[in-house]
């Protein structure tokens, strides 16, 4: 069994998408998309919207299963 002192730590670059092997262009795109999704989730939570209400307000369809 390895002890904690036998472990190797590899520090990330600060860009998780680059660390996962995405190209710089893909990494930038994924970073922007993740920021947009985070902002959207915060908005929905702040407004107290249900999945159906958020879909209606954003004019998109929503899954036909309960939330």
N, C-alpha and C. Protein backbone atom coordinates (compact mmCIF):
# COMPACT_ATOMS: atom_id res chain seq x y z
N UNK A 1 0.85 -1.18 0.00
CA UNK A 1 0.00 0.00 0.00
C UNK A 1 0.89 1.24 0.00
N UNK A 2 0.51 2.21 -0.86
CA UNK A 2 1.27 3.46 -0.91
C UNK A 2 0.90 4.35 0.26
N UNK A 3 1.87 5.04 0.76
CA UNK A 3 1.58 6.03 1.79
C UNK A 3 1.41 7.39 1.11
N UNK A 4 0.91 8.35 1.84
CA UNK A 4 0.69 9.70 1.31
C UNK A 4 2.00 10.32 0.83
N UNK A 5 3.10 9.92 1.40
CA UNK A 5 4.38 10.49 1.01
C UNK A 5 4.88 9.93 -0.33
N UNK A 6 4.28 8.83 -0.79
CA UNK A 6 4.66 8.23 -2.07
C UNK A 6 3.89 8.83 -3.24
N UNK A 7 2.96 9.73 -2.97
CA UNK A 7 2.13 10.31 -4.02
C UNK A 7 2.87 11.41 -4.77
N UNK A 8 2.50 11.57 -6.03
CA UNK A 8 3.04 12.63 -6.85
C UNK A 8 1.93 13.62 -7.15
N UNK A 9 2.21 14.89 -6.99
CA UNK A 9 1.22 15.93 -7.27
C UNK A 9 1.63 16.64 -8.55
N UNK A 10 0.68 16.75 -9.48
CA UNK A 10 0.91 17.50 -10.70
C UNK A 10 0.00 18.72 -10.66
N UNK A 11 0.60 19.89 -10.65
CA UNK A 11 -0.18 21.12 -10.58
C UNK A 11 -0.77 21.44 -11.95
N UNK A 12 -2.01 21.91 -11.94
CA UNK A 12 -2.66 22.30 -13.18
C UNK A 12 -2.15 23.64 -13.67
N UNK A 13 -2.51 23.94 -14.89
CA UNK A 13 -2.07 25.19 -15.51
C UNK A 13 -2.98 26.36 -15.14
N UNK A 14 -4.12 26.04 -14.53
CA UNK A 14 -5.12 27.07 -14.26
C UNK A 14 -6.23 27.05 -15.31
N UNK A 15 -6.04 26.26 -16.35
CA UNK A 15 -7.05 26.09 -17.41
C UNK A 15 -7.39 24.62 -17.49
N UNK A 16 -8.49 24.24 -16.85
CA UNK A 16 -8.86 22.83 -16.78
C UNK A 16 -9.05 22.22 -18.16
N UNK A 17 -9.56 22.99 -19.11
CA UNK A 17 -9.80 22.45 -20.45
C UNK A 17 -8.49 22.18 -21.18
N UNK A 18 -7.51 23.05 -21.03
CA UNK A 18 -6.19 22.81 -21.61
C UNK A 18 -5.54 21.60 -20.94
N UNK A 19 -5.71 21.50 -19.62
CA UNK A 19 -5.14 20.37 -18.89
C UNK A 19 -5.76 19.05 -19.34
N UNK A 20 -7.01 19.10 -19.82
CA UNK A 20 -7.67 17.89 -20.32
C UNK A 20 -7.30 17.58 -21.76
N UNK A 21 -6.50 18.44 -22.38
CA UNK A 21 -6.01 18.16 -23.72
C UNK A 21 -6.70 18.89 -24.85
N UNK A 22 -7.60 19.81 -24.54
CA UNK A 22 -8.27 20.57 -25.59
C UNK A 22 -7.31 21.60 -26.18
N UNK A 23 -7.51 21.90 -27.45
CA UNK A 23 -6.68 22.92 -28.11
C UNK A 23 -6.97 24.28 -27.49
N UNK A 24 -6.10 25.26 -27.69
CA UNK A 24 -6.36 26.59 -27.13
C UNK A 24 -7.69 27.18 -27.60
N UNK A 25 -8.05 26.97 -28.86
CA UNK A 25 -9.33 27.48 -29.38
C UNK A 25 -10.50 26.79 -28.71
N UNK A 26 -10.44 25.46 -28.62
CA UNK A 26 -11.51 24.71 -27.96
C UNK A 26 -11.59 25.08 -26.48
N UNK A 27 -10.44 25.26 -25.84
CA UNK A 27 -10.40 25.61 -24.43
C UNK A 27 -11.09 26.94 -24.18
N UNK A 28 -10.80 27.95 -25.02
CA UNK A 28 -11.46 29.26 -24.87
C UNK A 28 -12.96 29.13 -25.04
N UNK A 29 -13.38 28.38 -26.05
CA UNK A 29 -14.81 28.19 -26.32
C UNK A 29 -15.50 27.50 -25.14
N UNK A 30 -14.89 26.45 -24.62
CA UNK A 30 -15.47 25.74 -23.48
C UNK A 30 -15.51 26.61 -22.23
N UNK A 31 -14.50 27.43 -22.04
CA UNK A 31 -14.46 28.33 -20.89
C UNK A 31 -15.62 29.34 -20.98
N UNK A 32 -15.82 29.92 -22.15
CA UNK A 32 -16.92 30.87 -22.35
C UNK A 32 -18.26 30.18 -22.14
N UNK A 33 -18.41 28.98 -22.69
CA UNK A 33 -19.66 28.25 -22.54
C UNK A 33 -19.94 27.92 -21.07
N UNK A 34 -18.89 27.55 -20.33
CA UNK A 34 -19.09 27.23 -18.91
C UNK A 34 -19.48 28.48 -18.11
N UNK A 35 -18.89 29.63 -18.46
CA UNK A 35 -19.27 30.88 -17.79
C UNK A 35 -20.73 31.23 -18.09
N UNK A 36 -21.15 31.03 -19.34
CA UNK A 36 -22.54 31.32 -19.70
C UNK A 36 -23.50 30.40 -18.95
N UNK A 37 -23.17 29.12 -18.85
CA UNK A 37 -24.04 28.18 -18.14
C UNK A 37 -24.11 28.50 -16.65
N UNK A 38 -22.98 28.90 -16.08
CA UNK A 38 -22.97 29.27 -14.67
C UNK A 38 -23.87 30.48 -14.43
N UNK A 39 -23.76 31.49 -15.31
CA UNK A 39 -24.59 32.68 -15.18
C UNK A 39 -26.06 32.33 -15.36
N UNK A 40 -26.37 31.48 -16.31
CA UNK A 40 -27.76 31.07 -16.54
C UNK A 40 -28.32 30.32 -15.34
N UNK A 41 -27.55 29.40 -14.79
CA UNK A 41 -27.99 28.65 -13.61
C UNK A 41 -28.24 29.58 -12.42
N UNK A 42 -27.35 30.54 -12.23
CA UNK A 42 -27.53 31.50 -11.13
C UNK A 42 -28.80 32.33 -11.33
N UNK A 43 -29.04 32.77 -12.57
CA UNK A 43 -30.24 33.54 -12.88
C UNK A 43 -31.50 32.72 -12.57
N UNK A 44 -31.55 31.49 -13.03
CA UNK A 44 -32.71 30.63 -12.79
C UNK A 44 -32.92 30.41 -11.31
N UNK A 45 -31.83 30.17 -10.58
CA UNK A 45 -31.93 29.96 -9.14
C UNK A 45 -32.38 31.24 -8.42
N UNK A 46 -31.80 32.39 -8.78
CA UNK A 46 -32.15 33.66 -8.16
C UNK A 46 -33.62 34.01 -8.39
N UNK A 47 -34.10 33.74 -9.59
CA UNK A 47 -35.49 34.02 -9.93
C UNK A 47 -36.45 32.99 -9.35
N UNK A 48 -35.92 31.89 -8.85
CA UNK A 48 -36.75 30.83 -8.27
C UNK A 48 -37.61 30.13 -9.32
N UNK A 49 -37.08 30.01 -10.52
CA UNK A 49 -37.86 29.43 -11.61
C UNK A 49 -37.82 27.90 -11.59
N UNK A 50 -38.94 27.30 -11.93
CA UNK A 50 -38.95 25.86 -12.16
C UNK A 50 -38.36 25.61 -13.53
N UNK A 51 -38.12 24.36 -13.86
CA UNK A 51 -37.58 24.02 -15.17
C UNK A 51 -38.54 24.47 -16.27
N UNK A 52 -39.82 24.23 -16.06
CA UNK A 52 -40.83 24.62 -17.05
C UNK A 52 -40.91 26.14 -17.20
N UNK A 53 -40.87 26.86 -16.09
CA UNK A 53 -40.94 28.33 -16.13
C UNK A 53 -39.70 28.92 -16.79
N UNK A 54 -38.54 28.34 -16.50
CA UNK A 54 -37.30 28.83 -17.12
C UNK A 54 -37.34 28.59 -18.62
N UNK A 55 -37.80 27.42 -19.04
CA UNK A 55 -37.90 27.11 -20.47
C UNK A 55 -38.85 28.08 -21.18
N UNK A 56 -39.98 28.36 -20.53
CA UNK A 56 -40.95 29.28 -21.14
C UNK A 56 -40.35 30.68 -21.25
N UNK A 57 -39.71 31.13 -20.19
CA UNK A 57 -39.13 32.47 -20.17
C UNK A 57 -37.99 32.63 -21.18
N UNK A 58 -37.23 31.55 -21.38
CA UNK A 58 -36.10 31.58 -22.31
C UNK A 58 -36.51 31.15 -23.72
N UNK A 59 -37.80 30.83 -23.87
CA UNK A 59 -38.36 30.43 -25.17
C UNK A 59 -37.65 29.23 -25.77
N UNK A 60 -37.45 28.20 -24.92
CA UNK A 60 -36.88 26.94 -25.37
C UNK A 60 -37.77 25.81 -24.87
N UNK A 61 -37.64 24.62 -25.47
CA UNK A 61 -38.42 23.48 -24.99
C UNK A 61 -37.78 22.95 -23.71
N UNK A 62 -38.53 22.15 -23.00
CA UNK A 62 -37.98 21.52 -21.79
C UNK A 62 -38.35 20.05 -21.79
N UNK A 63 -37.57 19.23 -21.09
CA UNK A 63 -37.85 17.79 -21.05
C UNK A 63 -39.22 17.50 -20.48
N UNK A 64 -39.79 16.42 -20.94
CA UNK A 64 -41.14 16.03 -20.50
C UNK A 64 -41.06 15.08 -19.30
N UNK A 65 -40.24 15.40 -18.33
CA UNK A 65 -40.19 14.61 -17.10
C UNK A 65 -40.14 15.57 -15.93
N UNK A 66 -40.62 15.16 -14.77
CA UNK A 66 -40.68 16.05 -13.61
C UNK A 66 -39.30 16.50 -13.16
N UNK A 67 -39.24 17.69 -12.57
CA UNK A 67 -37.96 18.20 -12.05
C UNK A 67 -37.86 17.95 -10.58
